[in-house]
Amino acid sequence: MKTLKMYEIIEYCNDLKNSVLIEQIIPYKKSLLTYYTNYFTSEPILMVTAVFNAAQYGVIVPANEFIDAICEHLNDLECMNEDSGNYAEYETICFNSIPLSKL
């Protein structure tokens, strides 16, 4: 697997349809935290979009847009509604996501 550079990670995070292997984010954690703290008006959150046995994928979003980012990622504006077909995935993303500073 190709190692991503920091600017590539930032480009991937600009589109919520993309996800980055969290293993690729870890080496740049401090730099990304500095970049996103200055870029966002709220704390950067690592939104974990997929969890597998051997890997996790995520994207960095601002805390004040976290719920909207999940709904956009799931392509479902009603994802918070328990009747939504994506509600289980919404809960999984909420459960696994953490502030970038805690990575």
C-alpha atoms as a PDB file:
ATOM      1  CA  MET A   1       0.000   0.000   0.000  1.00  0.00           C
ATOM      2  CA  LYS A   2       1.214   3.462  -0.911  1.00  0.00           C
ATOM      3  CA  THR A   3       1.964   5.770   2.011  1.00  0.00           C
ATOM      4  CA  LEU A   4      -0.007   8.991   1.730  1.00  0.00           C
ATOM      5  CA  LYS A   5       1.590  12.362   2.218  1.00  0.00           C
ATOM      6  CA  MET A   6      -0.076  14.939   4.475  1.00  0.00           C
ATOM      7  CA  TYR A   7      -1.431  17.031   1.597  1.00  0.00           C
ATOM      8  CA  GLU A   8      -3.032  13.889   0.113  1.00  0.00           C
ATOM      9  CA  ILE A   9      -4.769  13.129   3.415  1.00  0.00           C
ATOM     10  CA  ILE A  10      -6.112  16.698   3.521  1.00  0.00           C
ATOM     11  CA  GLU A  11      -7.378  16.347  -0.073  1.00  0.00           C
ATOM     12  CA  TYR A  12      -9.150  13.084   0.792  1.00  0.00           C
ATOM     13  CA  CYS A  13     -10.754  14.666   3.856  1.00  0.00           C
ATOM     14  CA  ASN A  14     -12.190  17.505   1.755  1.00  0.00           C
ATOM     15  CA  ASP A  15     -14.676  15.047   0.206  1.00  0.00           C
ATOM     16  CA  LEU A  16     -16.815  13.194   2.730  1.00  0.00           C
ATOM     17  CA  LYS A  17     -17.373  10.349   0.255  1.00  0.00           C
ATOM     18  CA  ASN A  18     -13.688   9.457   0.679  1.00  0.00           C
ATOM     19  CA  SER A  19     -12.131   7.796   3.685  1.00  0.00           C
ATOM     20  CA  VAL A  20      -8.503   7.418   4.674  1.00  0.00           C
ATOM     21  CA  LEU A  21      -6.930   4.431   6.350  1.00  0.00           C
ATOM     22  CA  ILE A  22      -6.411   5.663   9.912  1.00  0.00           C
ATOM     23  CA  GLU A  23      -3.009   3.991   9.932  1.00  0.00           C
ATOM     24  CA  GLN A  24      -2.010   6.605   7.303  1.00  0.00           C
ATOM     25  CA  ILE A  25      -3.169   9.485   9.547  1.00  0.00           C
ATOM     26  CA  ILE A  26      -1.226   8.494  12.677  1.00  0.00           C
ATOM     27  CA  PRO A  27       2.268   9.633  11.493  1.00  0.00           C
ATOM     28  CA  TYR A  28       0.868  13.116  10.729  1.00  0.00           C
ATOM     29  CA  LYS A  29      -1.369  13.411  13.800  1.00  0.00           C
ATOM     30  CA  LYS A  30       0.323  16.470  15.339  1.00  0.00           C
ATOM     31  CA  SER A  31       0.632  18.315  12.040  1.00  0.00           C
ATOM     32  CA  LEU A  32      -2.953  17.512  11.046  1.00  0.00           C
ATOM     33  CA  LEU A  33      -4.188  18.594  14.463  1.00  0.00           C
ATOM     34  CA  THR A  34      -2.406  21.937  14.075  1.00  0.00           C
ATOM     35  CA  TYR A  35      -3.682  22.382  10.516  1.00  0.00           C
ATOM     36  CA  TYR A  36      -7.311  21.537  11.288  1.00  0.00           C
ATOM     37  CA  THR A  37      -7.372  23.464  14.585  1.00  0.00           C
ATOM     38  CA  ASN A  38      -6.455  26.577  12.597  1.00  0.00           C
ATOM     39  CA  TYR A  39      -8.752  25.682   9.665  1.00  0.00           C
ATOM     40  CA  PHE A  40     -11.920  24.784  11.606  1.00  0.00           C
ATOM     41  CA  THR A  41     -13.790  26.986  14.078  1.00  0.00           C
ATOM     42  CA  SER A  42     -14.313  23.975  16.351  1.00  0.00           C
ATOM     43  CA  GLU A  43     -12.347  20.938  17.449  1.00  0.00           C
ATOM     44  CA  PRO A  44     -11.348  18.487  14.681  1.00  0.00           C
ATOM     45  CA  ILE A  45     -13.049  15.092  14.969  1.00  0.00           C
ATOM     46  CA  LEU A  46     -11.809  11.860  13.441  1.00  0.00           C
ATOM     47  CA  MET A  47     -15.058  10.487  12.015  1.00  0.00           C
ATOM     48  CA  VAL A  48     -14.507   6.732  11.722  1.00  0.00           C
ATOM     49  CA  THR A  49     -16.511   5.698   8.666  1.00  0.00           C
ATOM     50  CA  ALA A  50     -15.688   1.977   8.483  1.00  0.00           C
ATOM     51  CA  VAL A  51     -14.347  -0.598  10.925  1.00  0.00           C
ATOM     52  CA  PHE A  52     -12.968  -3.963   9.846  1.00  0.00           C
ATOM     53  CA  ASN A  53     -10.973  -6.615  11.703  1.00  0.00           C
ATOM     54  CA  ALA A  54      -7.661  -5.383  10.312  1.00  0.00           C
ATOM     55  CA  ALA A  55      -8.344  -1.740   9.477  1.00  0.00           C
ATOM     56  CA  GLN A  56     -10.335   1.395  10.214  1.00  0.00           C
ATOM     57  CA  TYR A  57     -11.115   4.191   7.801  1.00  0.00           C
ATOM     58  CA  GLY A  58     -12.010   7.752   8.639  1.00  0.00           C
ATOM     59  CA  VAL A  59     -12.129  11.387   7.684  1.00  0.00           C
ATOM     60  CA  ILE A  60     -11.457  14.562   9.681  1.00  0.00           C
ATOM     61  CA  VAL A  61     -14.426  16.897  10.190  1.00  0.00           C
ATOM     62  CA  PRO A  62     -15.203  19.868  12.465  1.00  0.00           C
ATOM     63  CA  ALA A  63     -17.095  19.050  15.671  1.00  0.00           C
ATOM     64  CA  ASN A  64     -19.820  21.606  14.950  1.00  0.00           C
ATOM     65  CA  GLU A  65     -20.596  19.861  11.625  1.00  0.00           C
ATOM     66  CA  PHE A  66     -20.181  16.276  12.834  1.00  0.00           C
ATOM     67  CA  ILE A  67     -23.821  15.145  12.500  1.00  0.00           C
ATOM     68  CA  ASP A  68     -24.197  16.828   9.101  1.00  0.00           C
ATOM     69  CA  ALA A  69     -20.961  15.144   7.960  1.00  0.00           C
ATOM     70  CA  ILE A  70     -22.274  11.714   8.952  1.00  0.00           C
ATOM     71  CA  CYS A  71     -25.533  12.281   7.081  1.00  0.00           C
ATOM     72  CA  GLU A  72     -23.633  13.524   4.026  1.00  0.00           C
ATOM     73  CA  HIS A  73     -21.280  10.536   4.155  1.00  0.00           C
ATOM     74  CA  LEU A  74     -24.259   8.161   4.347  1.00  0.00           C
ATOM     75  CA  ASN A  75     -26.087  10.172   1.668  1.00  0.00           C
ATOM     76  CA  ASP A  76     -29.132  10.207   3.967  1.00  0.00           C
ATOM     77  CA  LEU A  77     -30.403  13.468   5.455  1.00  0.00           C
ATOM     78  CA  GLU A  78     -32.614  11.498   7.849  1.00  0.00           C
ATOM     79  CA  CYS A  79     -29.837   9.222   9.136  1.00  0.00           C
ATOM     80  CA  MET A  80     -30.487  10.232  12.769  1.00  0.00           C
ATOM     81  CA  ASN A  81     -34.061   8.968  12.535  1.00  0.00           C
ATOM     82  CA  GLU A  82     -34.460   5.490  14.037  1.00  0.00           C
ATOM     83  CA  ASP A  83     -36.686   4.551  11.096  1.00  0.00           C
ATOM     84  CA  SER A  84     -33.861   5.267   8.645  1.00  0.00           C
ATOM     85  CA  GLY A  85     -32.204   2.303   6.969  1.00  0.00           C
ATOM     86  CA  ASN A  86     -28.830   3.863   7.839  1.00  0.00           C
ATOM     87  CA  TYR A  87     -29.507   4.381  11.560  1.00  0.00           C
ATOM     88  CA  ALA A  88     -27.303   1.433  12.636  1.00  0.00           C
ATOM     89  CA  GLU A  89     -24.411   2.762  10.557  1.00  0.00           C
ATOM     90  CA  TYR A  90     -25.015   6.261  11.988  1.00  0.00           C
ATOM     91  CA  GLU A  91     -24.730   4.865  15.535  1.00  0.00           C
ATOM     92  CA  THR A  92     -21.587   2.911  14.638  1.00  0.00           C
ATOM     93  CA  ILE A  93     -19.912   6.035  13.251  1.00  0.00           C
ATOM     94  CA  CYS A  94     -20.877   8.053  16.349  1.00  0.00           C
ATOM     95  CA  PHE A  95     -19.584   5.328  18.685  1.00  0.00           C
ATOM     96  CA  ASN A  96     -16.202   4.922  16.979  1.00  0.00           C
ATOM     97  CA  SER A  97     -15.425   8.590  16.229  1.00  0.00           C
ATOM     98  CA  ILE A  98     -13.095  10.508  18.529  1.00  0.00           C
ATOM     99  CA  PRO A  99     -11.516  13.958  18.788  1.00  0.00           C
ATOM    100  CA  LEU A 100      -8.383  14.031  16.631  1.00  0.00           C
ATOM    101  CA  SER A 101      -6.381  15.060  19.715  1.00  0.00           C
ATOM    102  CA  LYS A 102      -7.210  11.690  21.357  1.00  0.00           C
ATOM    103  CA  LEU A 103      -5.837   9.606  18.465  1.00  0.00           C
END
